[in-house]
Structures are given as C-alpha cells and as structure tokens.
Amino acid sequence: MSDGYVTQRYVHLRRTAFLMCGDWARADDLARTTLARFLNEPDAGDPDLWVYADLMGGVKKPRGRRKRVFVAPADSEAGGDAHTVLVLDALHSLAPRCRAVLVLRHFCGLAIDETAGALDLDDGRVLALEAEGLGAFASLLATAHPAGAQ
C-alpha cells in the first residue's frame, strides 16, 4: 500500500505544501521528504493524517524570510490567473497557523478534529483560527479586489 499511496498522493501533497510555503521548489522538497518518512514509518495509522501532520511540521521550520511574489503566466486569460494570484497573495499574508488551518480544512478537506490532530491543537483552537483566517482572508481579498471592480 505504501508505494501506491505515495504515487497517488504526491501531486496533492506538493500542492498543499505550495499553499503553505509559496515556493514550488521547497514544496517539492517538503512533499518528497514527508513521503520518504512515511515509507519508513511502520505505524503511521491513518496515512493522510500522518502525512499532513508531518508536512505541517516541516513547513513550520523557517528557511529565511523571503517575500513571495506570485505572477500569472504571460499567456493567461484575463481574470482566471489574476484571481489565483490574488488568492495566493492573500493566503500568504495570513499568519502561518491560520493559513495551515485554512489549507487543511478547505483545500485538503479535513474535518475539524483531523485538522486539530494534524496541527496538535484542540478543536476549539482550530475553529477560532479558521474564523480568524477566513475573516482576514476575505478582508485581504476585498482590499485587493474591491466589489464591482473588474
């Protein structure tokens, strides 16, 4: 099961890591490192929860304070990629724990208790961070792209 799991989950885990760190090279490294540790973990329990917890632990380790700039590809259609850039920029403006909760809850689809387990928090703290993150995220998006503006 381990090799099949790694093959099946690598792309999703890399995207999750990217949402957390904003750097595709680092996301690739984090995903590969996490999956390599998973292969050597004889008692991982729920594989997804183990992998998300390990990935979030790796993301917590700072590697400099470089500002991330997201740029839409030159051949992009108007709107679609620009909105993606705005979302990524807003996501990376959030505090790391709020970002982690939003990524695990809304991108990875984890339940509150699963998110709490992956981040070593209690359920109430996850709910509070989610509310705080969603509020800040909405405010950042509204500031970057006011209602009615195109």
C-alpha atoms as a PDB file:
ATOM      1  CA  MET A   1       0.000   0.000   0.000  1.00  0.00           C
ATOM      2  CA  SER A   2       2.819   2.445   0.778  1.00  0.00           C
ATOM      3  CA  ASP A   3       4.237   2.740  -2.767  1.00  0.00           C
ATOM      4  CA  GLY A   4       0.760   3.117  -4.289  1.00  0.00           C
ATOM      5  CA  TYR A   5      -0.157   5.709  -1.683  1.00  0.00           C
ATOM      6  CA  VAL A   6       2.967   7.750  -2.441  1.00  0.00           C
ATOM      7  CA  THR A   7       2.269   7.694  -6.181  1.00  0.00           C
ATOM      8  CA  GLN A   8      -1.371   8.599  -5.676  1.00  0.00           C
ATOM      9  CA  ARG A   9      -0.863  11.409  -3.139  1.00  0.00           C
ATOM     10  CA  TYR A  10       2.370  13.106  -4.271  1.00  0.00           C
ATOM     11  CA  VAL A  11       0.794  15.772  -6.526  1.00  0.00           C
ATOM     12  CA  HIS A  12      -1.832  16.733  -3.937  1.00  0.00           C
ATOM     13  CA  LEU A  13       0.731  16.853  -1.141  1.00  0.00           C
ATOM     14  CA  ARG A  14       3.037  19.031  -3.254  1.00  0.00           C
ATOM     15  CA  ARG A  15       0.170  21.463  -3.915  1.00  0.00           C
ATOM     16  CA  THR A  16      -0.654  21.518  -0.210  1.00  0.00           C
ATOM     17  CA  ALA A  17       2.977  22.291   0.611  1.00  0.00           C
ATOM     18  CA  PHE A  18       2.983  25.058  -2.001  1.00  0.00           C
ATOM     19  CA  LEU A  19      -0.097  26.659  -0.455  1.00  0.00           C
ATOM     20  CA  MET A  20       1.757  26.688   2.849  1.00  0.00           C
ATOM     21  CA  CYS A  21       5.197  27.913   1.736  1.00  0.00           C
ATOM     22  CA  GLY A  22       4.627  29.669  -1.621  1.00  0.00           C
ATOM     23  CA  ASP A  23       7.691  28.128  -3.259  1.00  0.00           C
ATOM     24  CA  TRP A  24       7.359  25.217  -5.717  1.00  0.00           C
ATOM     25  CA  ALA A  25      10.938  24.007  -5.198  1.00  0.00           C
ATOM     26  CA  ARG A  26      10.519  23.948  -1.421  1.00  0.00           C
ATOM     27  CA  ALA A  27       7.052  22.382  -1.799  1.00  0.00           C
ATOM     28  CA  ASP A  28       8.559  19.602  -3.894  1.00  0.00           C
ATOM     29  CA  ASP A  29      11.268  19.034  -1.293  1.00  0.00           C
ATOM     30  CA  LEU A  30       8.748  19.043   1.574  1.00  0.00           C
ATOM     31  CA  ALA A  31       6.423  16.589  -0.208  1.00  0.00           C
ATOM     32  CA  ARG A  32       9.251  14.202  -1.099  1.00  0.00           C
ATOM     33  CA  THR A  33      10.757  14.344   2.383  1.00  0.00           C
ATOM     34  CA  THR A  34       7.382  13.740   4.024  1.00  0.00           C
ATOM     35  CA  LEU A  35       6.588  10.809   1.735  1.00  0.00           C
ATOM     36  CA  ALA A  36      10.045   9.289   2.279  1.00  0.00           C
ATOM     37  CA  ARG A  37       9.499   9.452   6.052  1.00  0.00           C
ATOM     38  CA  PHE A  38       6.047   7.918   5.555  1.00  0.00           C
ATOM     39  CA  LEU A  39       7.573   4.943   3.739  1.00  0.00           C
ATOM     40  CA  ASN A  40       9.845   4.352   6.733  1.00  0.00           C
ATOM     41  CA  GLU A  41       7.073   4.717   9.319  1.00  0.00           C
ATOM     42  CA  PRO A  42       5.802   1.267  10.250  1.00  0.00           C
ATOM     43  CA  ASP A  43       2.884   2.516  12.384  1.00  0.00           C
ATOM     44  CA  ALA A  44       1.518   5.583  10.588  1.00  0.00           C
ATOM     45  CA  GLY A  45      -2.125   4.898  11.499  1.00  0.00           C
ATOM     46  CA  ASP A  46      -4.288   6.981   9.150  1.00  0.00           C
ATOM     47  CA  PRO A  47      -1.859   7.711   6.275  1.00  0.00           C
ATOM     48  CA  ASP A  48      -3.406  11.062   5.302  1.00  0.00           C
ATOM     49  CA  LEU A  49      -3.407  12.429   8.836  1.00  0.00           C
ATOM     50  CA  TRP A  50       0.156  11.223   9.421  1.00  0.00           C
ATOM     51  CA  VAL A  51       1.358  12.803   6.170  1.00  0.00           C
ATOM     52  CA  TYR A  52      -0.410  16.141   6.785  1.00  0.00           C
ATOM     53  CA  ALA A  53       0.948  16.338  10.332  1.00  0.00           C
ATOM     54  CA  ASP A  54       4.481  15.588   9.136  1.00  0.00           C
ATOM     55  CA  LEU A  55       4.197  18.095   6.275  1.00  0.00           C
ATOM     56  CA  MET A  56       2.948  20.843   8.586  1.00  0.00           C
ATOM     57  CA  GLY A  57       5.839  20.128  10.931  1.00  0.00           C
ATOM     58  CA  GLY A  58       8.246  20.584   8.021  1.00  0.00           C
ATOM     59  CA  VAL A  59       6.602  23.813   6.919  1.00  0.00           C
ATOM     60  CA  LYS A  60       6.986  25.272  10.428  1.00  0.00           C
ATOM     61  CA  LYS A  61      10.770  25.178  10.128  1.00  0.00           C
ATOM     62  CA  PRO A  62      11.667  28.598   8.750  1.00  0.00           C
ATOM     63  CA  ARG A  63      14.009  28.920   5.778  1.00  0.00           C
ATOM     64  CA  GLY A  64      14.576  32.642   5.688  1.00  0.00           C
ATOM     65  CA  ARG A  65      12.034  35.439   5.492  1.00  0.00           C
ATOM     66  CA  ARG A  66      11.874  35.862   1.720  1.00  0.00           C
ATOM     67  CA  LYS A  67       8.834  37.671   0.349  1.00  0.00           C
ATOM     68  CA  ARG A  68       6.834  35.573  -2.110  1.00  0.00           C
ATOM     69  CA  VAL A  69       5.604  37.228  -5.264  1.00  0.00           C
ATOM     70  CA  PHE A  70       3.037  35.356  -7.355  1.00  0.00           C
ATOM     71  CA  VAL A  71       2.966  36.174 -11.041  1.00  0.00           C
ATOM     72  CA  ALA A  72       0.370  34.990 -13.551  1.00  0.00           C
ATOM     73  CA  PRO A  73       1.801  33.414 -16.711  1.00  0.00           C
ATOM     74  CA  ALA A  74       2.083  35.800 -19.685  1.00  0.00           C
ATOM     75  CA  ASP A  75      -0.262  33.683 -21.821  1.00  0.00           C
ATOM     76  CA  SER A  76      -3.025  33.572 -19.212  1.00  0.00           C
ATOM     77  CA  GLU A  77      -6.586  34.590 -19.938  1.00  0.00           C
ATOM     78  CA  ALA A  78      -7.810  37.720 -18.213  1.00  0.00           C
ATOM     79  CA  GLY A  79      -9.356  37.052 -14.852  1.00  0.00           C
ATOM     80  CA  GLY A  80      -8.675  33.391 -14.047  1.00  0.00           C
ATOM     81  CA  ASP A  81      -4.972  33.538 -13.262  1.00  0.00           C
ATOM     82  CA  ALA A  82      -5.207  37.050 -11.866  1.00  0.00           C
ATOM     83  CA  HIS A  83      -7.725  35.788  -9.309  1.00  0.00           C
ATOM     84  CA  THR A  84      -5.415  32.873  -8.481  1.00  0.00           C
ATOM     85  CA  VAL A  85      -2.577  35.312  -7.857  1.00  0.00           C
ATOM     86  CA  LEU A  86      -4.810  37.419  -5.582  1.00  0.00           C
ATOM     87  CA  VAL A  87      -5.905  34.343  -3.629  1.00  0.00           C
ATOM     88  CA  LEU A  88      -2.324  33.083  -3.198  1.00  0.00           C
ATOM     89  CA  ASP A  89      -1.115  36.513  -2.148  1.00  0.00           C
ATOM     90  CA  ALA A  90      -3.927  36.853   0.392  1.00  0.00           C
ATOM     91  CA  LEU A  91      -3.312  33.318   1.668  1.00  0.00           C
ATOM     92  CA  HIS A  92       0.367  34.077   2.241  1.00  0.00           C
ATOM     93  CA  SER A  93      -0.476  37.287   4.072  1.00  0.00           C
ATOM     94  CA  LEU A  94      -2.175  35.265   6.809  1.00  0.00           C
ATOM     95  CA  ALA A  95      -0.458  34.113   9.968  1.00  0.00           C
ATOM     96  CA  PRO A  96       1.061  30.632   9.430  1.00  0.00           C
ATOM     97  CA  ARG A  97      -1.361  28.821  11.767  1.00  0.00           C
ATOM     98  CA  CYS A  98      -4.412  30.461  10.171  1.00  0.00           C
ATOM     99  CA  ARG A  99      -3.041  29.549   6.744  1.00  0.00           C
ATOM    100  CA  ALA A 100      -2.428  25.954   7.873  1.00  0.00           C
ATOM    101  CA  VAL A 101      -5.969  25.611   9.192  1.00  0.00           C
ATOM    102  CA  LEU A 102      -7.492  27.046   6.009  1.00  0.00           C
ATOM    103  CA  VAL A 103      -5.364  24.840   3.752  1.00  0.00           C
ATOM    104  CA  LEU A 104      -6.113  21.662   5.720  1.00  0.00           C
ATOM    105  CA  ARG A 105      -9.825  22.411   6.144  1.00  0.00           C
ATOM    106  CA  HIS A 106     -10.673  23.907   2.751  1.00  0.00           C
ATOM    107  CA  PHE A 107      -8.086  22.543   0.311  1.00  0.00           C
ATOM    108  CA  CYS A 108      -7.433  19.140   1.864  1.00  0.00           C
ATOM    109  CA  GLY A 109     -10.974  18.678   3.170  1.00  0.00           C
ATOM    110  CA  LEU A 110     -10.033  17.604   6.694  1.00  0.00           C
ATOM    111  CA  ALA A 111     -12.621  17.665   9.456  1.00  0.00           C
ATOM    112  CA  ILE A 112     -12.095  19.894  12.483  1.00  0.00           C
ATOM    113  CA  ASP A 113     -10.811  17.037  14.650  1.00  0.00           C
ATOM    114  CA  GLU A 114      -8.481  15.797  11.884  1.00  0.00           C
ATOM    115  CA  THR A 115      -7.083  19.307  11.415  1.00  0.00           C
ATOM    116  CA  ALA A 116      -6.620  19.603  15.163  1.00  0.00           C
ATOM    117  CA  GLY A 117      -4.739  16.303  15.224  1.00  0.00           C
ATOM    118  CA  ALA A 118      -2.501  17.251  12.298  1.00  0.00           C
ATOM    119  CA  LEU A 119      -1.595  20.598  13.883  1.00  0.00           C
ATOM    120  CA  ASP A 120      -1.527  19.387  17.501  1.00  0.00           C
ATOM    121  CA  LEU A 121      -4.284  21.811  18.529  1.00  0.00           C
ATOM    122  CA  ASP A 122      -7.634  21.353  20.231  1.00  0.00           C
ATOM    123  CA  ASP A 123     -10.857  21.577  18.230  1.00  0.00           C
ATOM    124  CA  GLY A 124     -11.814  24.955  19.719  1.00  0.00           C
ATOM    125  CA  ARG A 125      -8.497  26.478  18.683  1.00  0.00           C
ATOM    126  CA  VAL A 126      -8.961  25.161  15.120  1.00  0.00           C
ATOM    127  CA  LEU A 127     -12.422  26.756  14.965  1.00  0.00           C
ATOM    128  CA  ALA A 128     -11.049  30.054  16.273  1.00  0.00           C
ATOM    129  CA  LEU A 129      -8.136  30.048  13.823  1.00  0.00           C
ATOM    130  CA  GLU A 130     -10.469  29.148  10.962  1.00  0.00           C
ATOM    131  CA  ALA A 131     -12.820  32.029  11.786  1.00  0.00           C
ATOM    132  CA  GLU A 132      -9.900  34.431  12.193  1.00  0.00           C
ATOM    133  CA  GLY A 133      -8.287  33.237   8.961  1.00  0.00           C
ATOM    134  CA  LEU A 134     -11.496  33.381   6.907  1.00  0.00           C
ATOM    135  CA  GLY A 135     -12.226  36.897   8.153  1.00  0.00           C
ATOM    136  CA  ALA A 136      -8.720  38.136   7.404  1.00  0.00           C
ATOM    137  CA  PHE A 137      -8.699  36.313   4.054  1.00  0.00           C
ATOM    138  CA  ALA A 138     -11.987  37.919   2.993  1.00  0.00           C
ATOM    139  CA  SER A 139     -10.723  41.334   4.076  1.00  0.00           C
ATOM    140  CA  LEU A 140      -7.453  40.908   2.163  1.00  0.00           C
ATOM    141  CA  LEU A 141      -9.297  39.820  -0.977  1.00  0.00           C
ATOM    142  CA  ALA A 142     -11.758  42.719  -0.689  1.00  0.00           C
ATOM    143  CA  THR A 143      -8.891  45.185  -0.316  1.00  0.00           C
ATOM    144  CA  ALA A 144      -7.032  43.732  -3.296  1.00  0.00           C
ATOM    145  CA  HIS A 145     -10.120  43.456  -5.497  1.00  0.00           C
ATOM    146  CA  PRO A 146     -12.971  45.736  -4.345  1.00  0.00           C
ATOM    147  CA  ALA A 147     -16.538  44.617  -5.059  1.00  0.00           C
ATOM    148  CA  GLY A 148     -17.690  45.557  -8.512  1.00  0.00           C
ATOM    149  CA  ALA A 149     -14.156  46.145  -9.837  1.00  0.00           C
ATOM    150  CA  GLN A 150     -13.034  44.036 -12.779  1.00  0.00           C
END
